[in-house]
């Protein structure tokens, strides 16, 4: 696959998401939430970097609320003008405000771009993820820069719909792969040796 495949793949996935019925989006979001809440690393995590879903992305709002209510410290991104992601804590649905690109961002004090280093788990938005962990984002590079700060032992998880977990996505040297993917059908760890995806109950 060549790099010029990325724009057409983004267009294809966005079109597919745009016609997804709201009932299917709700079902997918609930399934993803319920799966993630049982992943051992998330159960044990004291700090989780996540994000607020927008539009027809797999929903994360009920997941964020559930994590916060059970006592996890949840960090959410704030887009900076220099192309980096800053981070601030999530303190419930009322702690969010409108940000750039149609995003919802936390209103709590900013903790700096390096705050993501302290997270035990990082949940990452994506348009698609392949079986080597390569991630297709929106093209801005915000999350590649953020993931480059995350240590090799930290679980990073791409969140996509079932049809967006692909065999192969074109990757560039600056692309940072994720170490797992969650879809409505389940959670998959992406191996570092064989790079084969293995389903985890």
C-alpha atoms as a PDB file:
ATOM      1  CA  UNK A   1       0.000   0.000   0.000  1.00  0.00           C
ATOM      2  CA  UNK A   2       1.276   3.450  -0.850  1.00  0.00           C
ATOM      3  CA  UNK A   3       0.995   6.647   1.151  1.00  0.00           C
ATOM      4  CA  UNK A   4      -1.503   8.070  -1.377  1.00  0.00           C
ATOM      5  CA  UNK A   5      -3.966   5.413  -0.188  1.00  0.00           C
ATOM      6  CA  UNK A   6      -4.453   7.271   3.104  1.00  0.00           C
ATOM      7  CA  UNK A   7      -6.659  10.141   1.827  1.00  0.00           C
ATOM      8  CA  UNK A   8      -9.024   7.805  -0.024  1.00  0.00           C
ATOM      9  CA  UNK A   9      -9.147   5.446   2.963  1.00  0.00           C
ATOM     10  CA  UNK A  10     -10.034   8.356   5.255  1.00  0.00           C
ATOM     11  CA  UNK A  11     -12.789   9.412   2.861  1.00  0.00           C
ATOM     12  CA  UNK A  12     -14.163   5.876   2.645  1.00  0.00           C
ATOM     13  CA  UNK A  13     -14.269   5.433   6.430  1.00  0.00           C
ATOM     14  CA  UNK A  14     -15.820   8.836   7.030  1.00  0.00           C
ATOM     15  CA  UNK A  15     -18.531   8.064   4.485  1.00  0.00           C
ATOM     16  CA  UNK A  16     -19.248   4.713   6.120  1.00  0.00           C
ATOM     17  CA  UNK A  17     -19.477   6.348   9.542  1.00  0.00           C
ATOM     18  CA  UNK A  18     -21.798   9.052   8.225  1.00  0.00           C
ATOM     19  CA  UNK A  19     -24.496   6.522   7.328  1.00  0.00           C
ATOM     20  CA  UNK A  20     -24.191   4.443  10.499  1.00  0.00           C
ATOM     21  CA  UNK A  21     -27.580   4.478  12.283  1.00  0.00           C
ATOM     22  CA  UNK A  22     -27.587   6.155  15.685  1.00  0.00           C
ATOM     23  CA  UNK A  23     -28.855   2.927  17.248  1.00  0.00           C
ATOM     24  CA  UNK A  24     -25.801   1.089  15.923  1.00  0.00           C
ATOM     25  CA  UNK A  25     -23.501   3.836  17.199  1.00  0.00           C
ATOM     26  CA  UNK A  26     -25.083   3.538  20.644  1.00  0.00           C
ATOM     27  CA  UNK A  27     -24.740  -0.247  20.659  1.00  0.00           C
ATOM     28  CA  UNK A  28     -21.113  -0.034  19.563  1.00  0.00           C
ATOM     29  CA  UNK A  29     -20.282   2.581  22.194  1.00  0.00           C
ATOM     30  CA  UNK A  30     -21.850   0.523  24.973  1.00  0.00           C
ATOM     31  CA  UNK A  31     -20.007  -2.616  23.873  1.00  0.00           C
ATOM     32  CA  UNK A  32     -16.668  -0.790  23.742  1.00  0.00           C
ATOM     33  CA  UNK A  33     -17.265   0.740  27.177  1.00  0.00           C
ATOM     34  CA  UNK A  34     -18.179  -2.587  28.743  1.00  0.00           C
ATOM     35  CA  UNK A  35     -15.164  -4.315  27.192  1.00  0.00           C
ATOM     36  CA  UNK A  36     -12.660  -1.659  28.251  1.00  0.00           C
ATOM     37  CA  UNK A  37     -13.940  -1.584  31.819  1.00  0.00           C
ATOM     38  CA  UNK A  38     -12.882  -5.243  32.173  1.00  0.00           C
ATOM     39  CA  UNK A  39      -9.378  -4.913  30.670  1.00  0.00           C
ATOM     40  CA  UNK A  40      -6.949  -5.602  33.549  1.00  0.00           C
ATOM     41  CA  UNK A  41      -4.747  -2.574  32.855  1.00  0.00           C
ATOM     42  CA  UNK A  42      -7.758  -0.254  32.965  1.00  0.00           C
ATOM     43  CA  UNK A  43      -9.121  -1.946  36.074  1.00  0.00           C
ATOM     44  CA  UNK A  44      -5.819  -1.342  37.861  1.00  0.00           C
ATOM     45  CA  UNK A  45      -4.977   2.036  36.321  1.00  0.00           C
ATOM     46  CA  UNK A  46      -4.853   5.054  38.586  1.00  0.00           C
ATOM     47  CA  UNK A  47      -4.427   7.427  35.634  1.00  0.00           C
ATOM     48  CA  UNK A  48      -5.931   7.064  32.147  1.00  0.00           C
ATOM     49  CA  UNK A  49      -5.433   9.404  29.193  1.00  0.00           C
ATOM     50  CA  UNK A  50      -8.559   9.337  27.046  1.00  0.00           C
ATOM     51  CA  UNK A  51     -10.571  11.666  24.802  1.00  0.00           C
ATOM     52  CA  UNK A  52     -14.130  12.882  24.280  1.00  0.00           C
ATOM     53  CA  UNK A  53     -15.652  11.372  21.151  1.00  0.00           C
ATOM     54  CA  UNK A  54     -17.278  13.709  18.640  1.00  0.00           C
ATOM     55  CA  UNK A  55     -19.709  13.206  15.803  1.00  0.00           C
ATOM     56  CA  UNK A  56     -19.967   9.626  14.616  1.00  0.00           C
ATOM     57  CA  UNK A  57     -16.815   8.346  16.321  1.00  0.00           C
ATOM     58  CA  UNK A  58     -17.304   5.338  18.610  1.00  0.00           C
ATOM     59  CA  UNK A  59     -18.694   7.011  21.706  1.00  0.00           C
ATOM     60  CA  UNK A  60     -16.528   7.474  24.790  1.00  0.00           C
ATOM     61  CA  UNK A  61     -18.674   9.739  26.978  1.00  0.00           C
ATOM     62  CA  UNK A  62     -20.269   6.979  29.029  1.00  0.00           C
ATOM     63  CA  UNK A  63     -16.864   5.300  29.372  1.00  0.00           C
ATOM     64  CA  UNK A  64     -15.288   8.505  30.683  1.00  0.00           C
ATOM     65  CA  UNK A  65     -18.077   8.906  33.225  1.00  0.00           C
ATOM     66  CA  UNK A  66     -17.765   5.280  34.361  1.00  0.00           C
ATOM     67  CA  UNK A  67     -13.984   5.545  34.772  1.00  0.00           C
ATOM     68  CA  UNK A  68     -14.306   8.804  36.697  1.00  0.00           C
ATOM     69  CA  UNK A  69     -17.053   7.465  38.962  1.00  0.00           C
ATOM     70  CA  UNK A  70     -14.997   4.426  39.929  1.00  0.00           C
ATOM     71  CA  UNK A  71     -12.111   6.642  40.974  1.00  0.00           C
ATOM     72  CA  UNK A  72      -9.743   6.660  38.016  1.00  0.00           C
ATOM     73  CA  UNK A  73      -7.898   9.890  37.298  1.00  0.00           C
ATOM     74  CA  UNK A  74      -8.854  10.699  33.696  1.00  0.00           C
ATOM     75  CA  UNK A  75      -6.810  13.062  31.545  1.00  0.00           C
ATOM     76  CA  UNK A  76      -8.279  14.598  28.401  1.00  0.00           C
ATOM     77  CA  UNK A  77      -6.481  16.401  25.573  1.00  0.00           C
ATOM     78  CA  UNK A  78      -6.484  20.112  24.846  1.00  0.00           C
ATOM     79  CA  UNK A  79      -5.292  21.141  21.380  1.00  0.00           C
ATOM     80  CA  UNK A  80      -2.453  23.678  21.424  1.00  0.00           C
ATOM     81  CA  UNK A  81      -1.599  26.112  18.651  1.00  0.00           C
ATOM     82  CA  UNK A  82       1.876  24.599  18.295  1.00  0.00           C
ATOM     83  CA  UNK A  83       0.448  21.251  17.204  1.00  0.00           C
ATOM     84  CA  UNK A  84       0.952  19.480  20.529  1.00  0.00           C
ATOM     85  CA  UNK A  85      -1.692  18.091  22.853  1.00  0.00           C
ATOM     86  CA  UNK A  86      -1.840  19.502  26.358  1.00  0.00           C
ATOM     87  CA  UNK A  87      -3.768  17.601  29.039  1.00  0.00           C
ATOM     88  CA  UNK A  88      -6.181  18.420  31.863  1.00  0.00           C
ATOM     89  CA  UNK A  89      -8.289  16.350  34.234  1.00  0.00           C
ATOM     90  CA  UNK A  90     -11.866  15.264  33.595  1.00  0.00           C
ATOM     91  CA  UNK A  91     -14.164  16.163  36.472  1.00  0.00           C
ATOM     92  CA  UNK A  92     -17.482  14.972  35.074  1.00  0.00           C
ATOM     93  CA  UNK A  93     -19.618  16.004  32.091  1.00  0.00           C
ATOM     94  CA  UNK A  94     -20.027  19.557  33.375  1.00  0.00           C
ATOM     95  CA  UNK A  95     -16.255  20.096  33.270  1.00  0.00           C
ATOM     96  CA  UNK A  96     -16.156  20.181  29.454  1.00  0.00           C
ATOM     97  CA  UNK A  97     -16.296  23.133  27.075  1.00  0.00           C
ATOM     98  CA  UNK A  98     -16.233  23.618  23.309  1.00  0.00           C
ATOM     99  CA  UNK A  99     -12.763  23.631  21.744  1.00  0.00           C
ATOM    100  CA  UNK A 100     -11.308  23.738  18.222  1.00  0.00           C
ATOM    101  CA  UNK A 101     -12.228  21.222  15.502  1.00  0.00           C
ATOM    102  CA  UNK A 102     -15.604  20.618  17.155  1.00  0.00           C
ATOM    103  CA  UNK A 103     -13.956  18.977  20.163  1.00  0.00           C
ATOM    104  CA  UNK A 104     -14.995  19.094  23.797  1.00  0.00           C
ATOM    105  CA  UNK A 105     -12.124  19.937  26.126  1.00  0.00           C
ATOM    106  CA  UNK A 106     -11.679  19.954  29.909  1.00  0.00           C
ATOM    107  CA  UNK A 107     -11.868  23.256  31.781  1.00  0.00           C
ATOM    108  CA  UNK A 108      -9.452  22.213  34.543  1.00  0.00           C
ATOM    109  CA  UNK A 109      -5.896  23.653  34.728  1.00  0.00           C
ATOM    110  CA  UNK A 110      -3.528  22.469  32.004  1.00  0.00           C
ATOM    111  CA  UNK A 111      -0.859  19.992  33.076  1.00  0.00           C
ATOM    112  CA  UNK A 112       1.471  20.198  30.081  1.00  0.00           C
ATOM    113  CA  UNK A 113       2.186  18.035  27.044  1.00  0.00           C
ATOM    114  CA  UNK A 114       4.286  15.633  29.133  1.00  0.00           C
ATOM    115  CA  UNK A 115       1.371  14.806  31.449  1.00  0.00           C
ATOM    116  CA  UNK A 116       0.499  11.898  29.155  1.00  0.00           C
ATOM    117  CA  UNK A 117       3.753  10.216  30.272  1.00  0.00           C
ATOM    118  CA  UNK A 118       2.217   9.557  33.686  1.00  0.00           C
ATOM    119  CA  UNK A 119      -0.843   7.734  32.333  1.00  0.00           C
ATOM    120  CA  UNK A 120      -1.079   3.986  32.936  1.00  0.00           C
ATOM    121  CA  UNK A 121      -3.247   3.547  29.810  1.00  0.00           C
ATOM    122  CA  UNK A 122      -3.767   5.798  26.789  1.00  0.00           C
ATOM    123  CA  UNK A 123      -6.957   5.547  24.718  1.00  0.00           C
ATOM    124  CA  UNK A 124      -6.501   6.887  21.208  1.00  0.00           C
ATOM    125  CA  UNK A 125      -9.047   7.969  18.569  1.00  0.00           C
ATOM    126  CA  UNK A 126      -8.587   6.491  15.103  1.00  0.00           C
ATOM    127  CA  UNK A 127     -10.308   6.048  11.784  1.00  0.00           C
ATOM    128  CA  UNK A 128      -8.713   2.614  11.459  1.00  0.00           C
ATOM    129  CA  UNK A 129      -6.071   0.371  13.045  1.00  0.00           C
ATOM    130  CA  UNK A 130      -4.292  -2.549  11.420  1.00  0.00           C
ATOM    131  CA  UNK A 131      -2.938  -5.794  12.851  1.00  0.00           C
ATOM    132  CA  UNK A 132       0.541  -4.314  13.302  1.00  0.00           C
ATOM    133  CA  UNK A 133      -0.888  -1.448  15.357  1.00  0.00           C
ATOM    134  CA  UNK A 134      -0.568   1.136  12.617  1.00  0.00           C
ATOM    135  CA  UNK A 135      -3.208   3.800  13.125  1.00  0.00           C
ATOM    136  CA  UNK A 136      -5.012   5.965  10.603  1.00  0.00           C
ATOM    137  CA  UNK A 137      -5.794   9.306  12.218  1.00  0.00           C
ATOM    138  CA  UNK A 138      -7.344  12.465  10.854  1.00  0.00           C
ATOM    139  CA  UNK A 139      -4.029  13.616   9.418  1.00  0.00           C
ATOM    140  CA  UNK A 140      -3.005  16.327  11.879  1.00  0.00           C
ATOM    141  CA  UNK A 141      -0.336  14.284  13.639  1.00  0.00           C
ATOM    142  CA  UNK A 142      -1.456  15.389  17.125  1.00  0.00           C
ATOM    143  CA  UNK A 143      -1.610  11.860  18.504  1.00  0.00           C
ATOM    144  CA  UNK A 144       1.587  10.662  16.837  1.00  0.00           C
ATOM    145  CA  UNK A 145       3.407  13.424  18.697  1.00  0.00           C
ATOM    146  CA  UNK A 146       1.619  12.570  21.949  1.00  0.00           C
ATOM    147  CA  UNK A 147       2.245   8.829  21.609  1.00  0.00           C
ATOM    148  CA  UNK A 148       5.933   9.464  20.992  1.00  0.00           C
ATOM    149  CA  UNK A 149       6.085  10.663  24.619  1.00  0.00           C
ATOM    150  CA  UNK A 150       4.572   7.447  26.016  1.00  0.00           C
ATOM    151  CA  UNK A 151       6.852   4.752  27.436  1.00  0.00           C
ATOM    152  CA  UNK A 152       7.104   1.280  25.850  1.00  0.00           C
ATOM    153  CA  UNK A 153       5.400  -0.471  28.783  1.00  0.00           C
ATOM    154  CA  UNK A 154       2.243   1.652  28.639  1.00  0.00           C
ATOM    155  CA  UNK A 155      -0.854   0.164  27.023  1.00  0.00           C
ATOM    156  CA  UNK A 156      -2.030   2.339  24.128  1.00  0.00           C
ATOM    157  CA  UNK A 157      -5.411   1.404  22.666  1.00  0.00           C
ATOM    158  CA  UNK A 158      -6.970   2.475  19.364  1.00  0.00           C
ATOM    159  CA  UNK A 159     -10.778   2.734  19.444  1.00  0.00           C
ATOM    160  CA  UNK A 160     -12.610   1.856  16.213  1.00  0.00           C
ATOM    161  CA  UNK A 161     -15.668   0.124  14.802  1.00  0.00           C
ATOM    162  CA  UNK A 162     -15.396  -3.525  13.754  1.00  0.00           C
ATOM    163  CA  UNK A 163     -14.970  -2.821  10.033  1.00  0.00           C
ATOM    164  CA  UNK A 164     -12.124  -0.408  10.788  1.00  0.00           C
ATOM    165  CA  UNK A 165      -9.791  -3.072  12.229  1.00  0.00           C
ATOM    166  CA  UNK A 166      -7.899  -3.779   9.012  1.00  0.00           C
ATOM    167  CA  UNK A 167      -5.186  -6.124   7.810  1.00  0.00           C
ATOM    168  CA  UNK A 168      -2.911  -3.316   6.644  1.00  0.00           C
ATOM    169  CA  UNK A 169      -2.655   0.469   6.725  1.00  0.00           C
ATOM    170  CA  UNK A 170       0.179   2.418   5.050  1.00  0.00           C
ATOM    171  CA  UNK A 171       2.613   3.763   7.635  1.00  0.00           C
ATOM    172  CA  UNK A 172       5.310   6.429   7.611  1.00  0.00           C
ATOM    173  CA  UNK A 173       8.406   6.666   9.827  1.00  0.00           C
ATOM    174  CA  UNK A 174       6.775   9.246  12.104  1.00  0.00           C
ATOM    175  CA  UNK A 175       3.643   7.129  12.675  1.00  0.00           C
ATOM    176  CA  UNK A 176       3.525   5.660  16.179  1.00  0.00           C
ATOM    177  CA  UNK A 177       1.644   2.334  16.410  1.00  0.00           C
ATOM    178  CA  UNK A 178      -0.753   1.459  19.203  1.00  0.00           C
ATOM    179  CA  UNK A 179      -0.360  -1.721  21.255  1.00  0.00           C
ATOM    180  CA  UNK A 180      -4.005  -2.815  21.292  1.00  0.00           C
ATOM    181  CA  UNK A 181      -7.295  -2.123  19.600  1.00  0.00           C
ATOM    182  CA  UNK A 182     -10.855  -2.259  20.903  1.00  0.00           C
ATOM    183  CA  UNK A 183     -13.921  -2.674  18.711  1.00  0.00           C
ATOM    184  CA  UNK A 184     -17.535  -3.463  19.581  1.00  0.00           C
ATOM    185  CA  UNK A 185     -16.658  -7.146  19.101  1.00  0.00           C
ATOM    186  CA  UNK A 186     -13.752  -7.256  21.520  1.00  0.00           C
ATOM    187  CA  UNK A 187     -10.285  -6.277  22.677  1.00  0.00           C
ATOM    188  CA  UNK A 188      -7.146  -7.308  20.802  1.00  0.00           C
ATOM    189  CA  UNK A 189      -3.549  -7.049  21.958  1.00  0.00           C
ATOM    190  CA  UNK A 190      -1.181  -6.461  19.079  1.00  0.00           C
ATOM    191  CA  UNK A 191       1.971  -8.555  19.512  1.00  0.00           C
ATOM    192  CA  UNK A 192       5.418  -6.998  19.323  1.00  0.00           C
ATOM    193  CA  UNK A 193       7.180 -10.153  18.129  1.00  0.00           C
ATOM    194  CA  UNK A 194       4.869 -11.786  15.620  1.00  0.00           C
ATOM    195  CA  UNK A 195       2.753  -8.622  15.223  1.00  0.00           C
ATOM    196  CA  UNK A 196      -0.284 -10.856  15.002  1.00  0.00           C
ATOM    197  CA  UNK A 197      -3.474  -9.750  16.728  1.00  0.00           C
ATOM    198  CA  UNK A 198      -4.701 -11.977  19.524  1.00  0.00           C
ATOM    199  CA  UNK A 199      -8.179 -11.665  20.963  1.00  0.00           C
ATOM    200  CA  UNK A 200      -8.341 -11.325  24.721  1.00  0.00           C
ATOM    201  CA  UNK A 201     -11.483 -12.447  26.543  1.00  0.00           C
END
